[in-house]
């Protein structure tokens, strides 16, 4: 019986840890064409042209030279 409890506790801690790490990333809703942050309601309603962005996704922008 003690082995079962230890195993159950270990699995519970593992699942809880994975769940917390998945929710810890910050995300926001952006308009695709302009990369402007907008209300999260656009992404929650799956409005075309809007998508969730997060810290993990790196976007590279071209630098423009001023003459």
C-alpha atoms as a PDB file:
ATOM      1  CA  UNK A   1       0.000   0.000   0.000  1.00  0.00           C
ATOM      2  CA  UNK A   2       2.768   2.558   0.778  1.00  0.00           C
ATOM      3  CA  UNK A   3       4.295   2.044  -2.697  1.00  0.00           C
ATOM      4  CA  UNK A   4       0.943   2.797  -4.303  1.00  0.00           C
ATOM      5  CA  UNK A   5       0.568   6.013  -2.322  1.00  0.00           C
ATOM      6  CA  UNK A   6       4.096   7.116  -3.202  1.00  0.00           C
ATOM      7  CA  UNK A   7       3.511   6.401  -6.862  1.00  0.00           C
ATOM      8  CA  UNK A   8       0.175   8.238  -6.828  1.00  0.00           C
ATOM      9  CA  UNK A   9       1.768  11.240  -5.115  1.00  0.00           C
ATOM     10  CA  UNK A  10       4.615  11.331  -7.636  1.00  0.00           C
ATOM     11  CA  UNK A  11       2.219  11.199 -10.589  1.00  0.00           C
ATOM     12  CA  UNK A  12       0.034  13.917  -9.055  1.00  0.00           C
ATOM     13  CA  UNK A  13       3.025  16.224  -8.540  1.00  0.00           C
ATOM     14  CA  UNK A  14       4.235  15.590 -12.093  1.00  0.00           C
ATOM     15  CA  UNK A  15       0.844  16.353 -13.646  1.00  0.00           C
ATOM     16  CA  UNK A  16       0.418  19.484 -11.524  1.00  0.00           C
ATOM     17  CA  UNK A  17       3.894  20.721 -12.463  1.00  0.00           C
ATOM     18  CA  UNK A  18       3.272  20.223 -16.164  1.00  0.00           C
ATOM     19  CA  UNK A  19      -0.068  21.991 -15.917  1.00  0.00           C
ATOM     20  CA  UNK A  20       1.418  24.992 -14.162  1.00  0.00           C
ATOM     21  CA  UNK A  21       4.292  25.325 -16.608  1.00  0.00           C
ATOM     22  CA  UNK A  22       1.890  25.281 -19.560  1.00  0.00           C
ATOM     23  CA  UNK A  23      -0.137  28.142 -18.091  1.00  0.00           C
ATOM     24  CA  UNK A  24       2.809  30.277 -17.070  1.00  0.00           C
ATOM     25  CA  UNK A  25       3.621  31.586 -20.543  1.00  0.00           C
ATOM     26  CA  UNK A  26       2.153  34.986 -21.282  1.00  0.00           C
ATOM     27  CA  UNK A  27       0.203  35.414 -24.470  1.00  0.00           C
ATOM     28  CA  UNK A  28      -1.778  38.137 -26.124  1.00  0.00           C
ATOM     29  CA  UNK A  29      -3.974  38.634 -29.174  1.00  0.00           C
ATOM     30  CA  UNK A  30      -2.541  40.414 -32.238  1.00  0.00           C
ATOM     31  CA  UNK A  31      -3.877  41.593 -35.572  1.00  0.00           C
ATOM     32  CA  UNK A  32      -1.856  39.623 -38.147  1.00  0.00           C
ATOM     33  CA  UNK A  33      -1.390  42.355 -40.743  1.00  0.00           C
ATOM     34  CA  UNK A  34      -0.210  45.068 -38.340  1.00  0.00           C
ATOM     35  CA  UNK A  35       1.128  43.036 -35.376  1.00  0.00           C
ATOM     36  CA  UNK A  36      -0.876  45.331 -33.116  1.00  0.00           C
ATOM     37  CA  UNK A  37      -2.060  44.032 -29.769  1.00  0.00           C
ATOM     38  CA  UNK A  38      -5.837  43.978 -29.524  1.00  0.00           C
ATOM     39  CA  UNK A  39      -8.471  42.790 -27.073  1.00  0.00           C
ATOM     40  CA  UNK A  40      -8.278  39.062 -26.368  1.00  0.00           C
ATOM     41  CA  UNK A  41     -11.947  38.761 -27.345  1.00  0.00           C
ATOM     42  CA  UNK A  42     -10.938  38.757 -31.044  1.00  0.00           C
ATOM     43  CA  UNK A  43      -8.831  35.611 -30.610  1.00  0.00           C
ATOM     44  CA  UNK A  44     -11.324  33.984 -28.252  1.00  0.00           C
ATOM     45  CA  UNK A  45     -13.999  34.335 -30.961  1.00  0.00           C
ATOM     46  CA  UNK A  46     -11.562  32.980 -33.611  1.00  0.00           C
ATOM     47  CA  UNK A  47     -11.982  36.136 -35.686  1.00  0.00           C
ATOM     48  CA  UNK A  48     -10.131  35.812 -39.026  1.00  0.00           C
ATOM     49  CA  UNK A  49      -6.983  37.944 -39.130  1.00  0.00           C
ATOM     50  CA  UNK A  50      -6.243  37.689 -35.401  1.00  0.00           C
ATOM     51  CA  UNK A  51      -4.029  35.173 -33.605  1.00  0.00           C
ATOM     52  CA  UNK A  52      -2.524  34.444 -30.202  1.00  0.00           C
ATOM     53  CA  UNK A  53       1.115  35.450 -29.753  1.00  0.00           C
ATOM     54  CA  UNK A  54       3.432  34.491 -26.920  1.00  0.00           C
ATOM     55  CA  UNK A  55       6.893  35.188 -25.550  1.00  0.00           C
ATOM     56  CA  UNK A  56       8.212  31.934 -27.016  1.00  0.00           C
ATOM     57  CA  UNK A  57       7.520  32.913 -30.596  1.00  0.00           C
ATOM     58  CA  UNK A  58      10.269  35.133 -31.969  1.00  0.00           C
ATOM     59  CA  UNK A  59       9.436  37.342 -34.909  1.00  0.00           C
ATOM     60  CA  UNK A  60      12.186  38.879 -36.954  1.00  0.00           C
ATOM     61  CA  UNK A  61      11.561  42.235 -38.506  1.00  0.00           C
ATOM     62  CA  UNK A  62      13.600  43.747 -41.282  1.00  0.00           C
ATOM     63  CA  UNK A  63      15.465  46.861 -40.312  1.00  0.00           C
ATOM     64  CA  UNK A  64      14.960  49.788 -42.614  1.00  0.00           C
ATOM     65  CA  UNK A  65      17.824  52.142 -43.286  1.00  0.00           C
ATOM     66  CA  UNK A  66      17.225  55.863 -43.226  1.00  0.00           C
ATOM     67  CA  UNK A  67      19.081  57.792 -45.873  1.00  0.00           C
END
